[in-house]
Amino acid sequence: MTTKFPELESALEAYFMAIASQKSANPTSLMPHILKLDELGAKLHSSAPPMLQHYLERKSYEKALKFIRGEIDEHSL
């Protein structure tokens, strides 16, 4: 399944993989991932779904990823 926001989806997945690596012996810093997500969120056009913009602004990254994947419907909230 292809999403409308593949770069954002990849960045969110990388962020969650970095979180998972925090539990290992060589934790990865989360700041580069957060900065990348902030950058991608700022690049979203005003035509992007308002809920996606909201999730990114609030750093609700799990919800943002679910929204991108179609697991959360903007109208079901």
C-alpha atoms as a PDB file:
ATOM      1  CA  MET A   1       0.000   0.000   0.000  1.00  0.00           C
ATOM      2  CA  THR A   2       1.385   3.382  -0.998  1.00  0.00           C
ATOM      3  CA  THR A   3       0.718   6.396   1.204  1.00  0.00           C
ATOM      4  CA  LYS A   4       0.435  10.033   0.207  1.00  0.00           C
ATOM      5  CA  PHE A   5       3.301  10.860   2.562  1.00  0.00           C
ATOM      6  CA  PRO A   6       6.037   8.242   1.989  1.00  0.00           C
ATOM      7  CA  GLU A   7       8.923  10.394   3.252  1.00  0.00           C
ATOM      8  CA  LEU A   8       7.029  11.279   6.407  1.00  0.00           C
ATOM      9  CA  GLU A   9       6.028   7.656   6.930  1.00  0.00           C
ATOM     10  CA  SER A  10       9.666   6.564   6.599  1.00  0.00           C
ATOM     11  CA  ALA A  11      10.819   9.245   9.029  1.00  0.00           C
ATOM     12  CA  LEU A  12       8.205   8.165  11.573  1.00  0.00           C
ATOM     13  CA  GLU A  13       9.241   4.527  11.216  1.00  0.00           C
ATOM     14  CA  ALA A  14      12.902   5.511  11.704  1.00  0.00           C
ATOM     15  CA  TYR A  15      11.936   7.449  14.835  1.00  0.00           C
ATOM     16  CA  PHE A  16      10.195   4.414  16.325  1.00  0.00           C
ATOM     17  CA  MET A  17      13.132   2.164  15.423  1.00  0.00           C
ATOM     18  CA  ALA A  18      15.421   4.620  17.220  1.00  0.00           C
ATOM     19  CA  ILE A  19      13.192   4.417  20.285  1.00  0.00           C
ATOM     20  CA  ALA A  20      13.426   0.630  20.176  1.00  0.00           C
ATOM     21  CA  SER A  21      17.214   0.871  19.954  1.00  0.00           C
ATOM     22  CA  GLN A  22      17.244   2.916  23.164  1.00  0.00           C
ATOM     23  CA  LYS A  23      16.835  -0.393  24.973  1.00  0.00           C
ATOM     24  CA  SER A  24      19.953  -1.846  23.385  1.00  0.00           C
ATOM     25  CA  ALA A  25      23.602  -1.341  24.324  1.00  0.00           C
ATOM     26  CA  ASN A  26      24.121   1.411  21.692  1.00  0.00           C
ATOM     27  CA  PRO A  27      21.180   3.794  21.941  1.00  0.00           C
ATOM     28  CA  THR A  28      20.557   6.165  19.059  1.00  0.00           C
ATOM     29  CA  SER A  29      19.861   9.805  19.756  1.00  0.00           C
ATOM     30  CA  LEU A  30      16.267  10.764  19.077  1.00  0.00           C
ATOM     31  CA  MET A  31      16.972  14.448  18.356  1.00  0.00           C
ATOM     32  CA  PRO A  32      17.922  14.017  14.686  1.00  0.00           C
ATOM     33  CA  HIS A  33      14.681  12.108  14.145  1.00  0.00           C
ATOM     34  CA  ILE A  34      12.585  14.720  15.922  1.00  0.00           C
ATOM     35  CA  LEU A  35      14.250  17.514  13.932  1.00  0.00           C
ATOM     36  CA  LYS A  36      13.567  15.638  10.682  1.00  0.00           C
ATOM     37  CA  LEU A  37       9.917  15.161  11.640  1.00  0.00           C
ATOM     38  CA  ASP A  38       9.635  18.853  12.508  1.00  0.00           C
ATOM     39  CA  GLU A  39      11.144  19.729   9.124  1.00  0.00           C
ATOM     40  CA  LEU A  40       8.772  17.446   7.229  1.00  0.00           C
ATOM     41  CA  GLY A  41       5.800  18.724   9.220  1.00  0.00           C
ATOM     42  CA  ALA A  42       6.707  22.309   8.360  1.00  0.00           C
ATOM     43  CA  LYS A  43       6.850  21.372   4.663  1.00  0.00           C
ATOM     44  CA  LEU A  44       3.287  20.024   4.625  1.00  0.00           C
ATOM     45  CA  HIS A  45       1.062  22.072   2.398  1.00  0.00           C
ATOM     46  CA  SER A  46      -2.116  23.600   3.704  1.00  0.00           C
ATOM     47  CA  SER A  47      -3.914  20.945   1.684  1.00  0.00           C
ATOM     48  CA  ALA A  48      -2.576  18.241   4.024  1.00  0.00           C
ATOM     49  CA  PRO A  49      -5.203  16.760   6.344  1.00  0.00           C
ATOM     50  CA  PRO A  50      -5.685  18.986   9.402  1.00  0.00           C
ATOM     51  CA  MET A  51      -5.518  15.998  11.766  1.00  0.00           C
ATOM     52  CA  LEU A  52      -2.115  14.990  10.395  1.00  0.00           C
ATOM     53  CA  GLN A  53      -0.860  18.528  10.915  1.00  0.00           C
ATOM     54  CA  HIS A  54      -2.309  18.461  14.433  1.00  0.00           C
ATOM     55  CA  TYR A  55      -0.612  15.168  15.318  1.00  0.00           C
ATOM     56  CA  LEU A  56       2.759  16.401  14.082  1.00  0.00           C
ATOM     57  CA  GLU A  57       2.472  19.753  15.862  1.00  0.00           C
ATOM     58  CA  ARG A  58       1.637  17.950  19.113  1.00  0.00           C
ATOM     59  CA  LYS A  59       4.364  15.359  18.472  1.00  0.00           C
ATOM     60  CA  SER A  60       1.751  12.602  18.579  1.00  0.00           C
ATOM     61  CA  TYR A  61       3.901  10.541  16.265  1.00  0.00           C
ATOM     62  CA  GLU A  62       2.172   7.232  16.851  1.00  0.00           C
ATOM     63  CA  LYS A  63      -1.165   8.760  15.865  1.00  0.00           C
ATOM     64  CA  ALA A  64       0.451  10.488  12.874  1.00  0.00           C
ATOM     65  CA  LEU A  65       1.822   7.169  11.617  1.00  0.00           C
ATOM     66  CA  LYS A  66      -1.511   5.436  12.120  1.00  0.00           C
ATOM     67  CA  PHE A  67      -3.259   8.267  10.292  1.00  0.00           C
ATOM     68  CA  ILE A  68      -0.870   8.045   7.337  1.00  0.00           C
ATOM     69  CA  ARG A  69      -1.411   4.288   7.148  1.00  0.00           C
ATOM     70  CA  GLY A  70      -5.192   4.711   7.193  1.00  0.00           C
ATOM     71  CA  GLU A  71      -5.599   3.151  10.627  1.00  0.00           C
ATOM     72  CA  ILE A  72      -7.191   6.352  11.954  1.00  0.00           C
ATOM     73  CA  ASP A  73      -9.960   8.022   9.994  1.00  0.00           C
ATOM     74  CA  GLU A  74     -10.084  11.797  10.363  1.00  0.00           C
ATOM     75  CA  HIS A  75     -13.884  11.670  10.482  1.00  0.00           C
ATOM     76  CA  SER A  76     -14.120   8.946  13.124  1.00  0.00           C
ATOM     77  CA  LEU A  77     -12.675  11.123  15.882  1.00  0.00           C
END
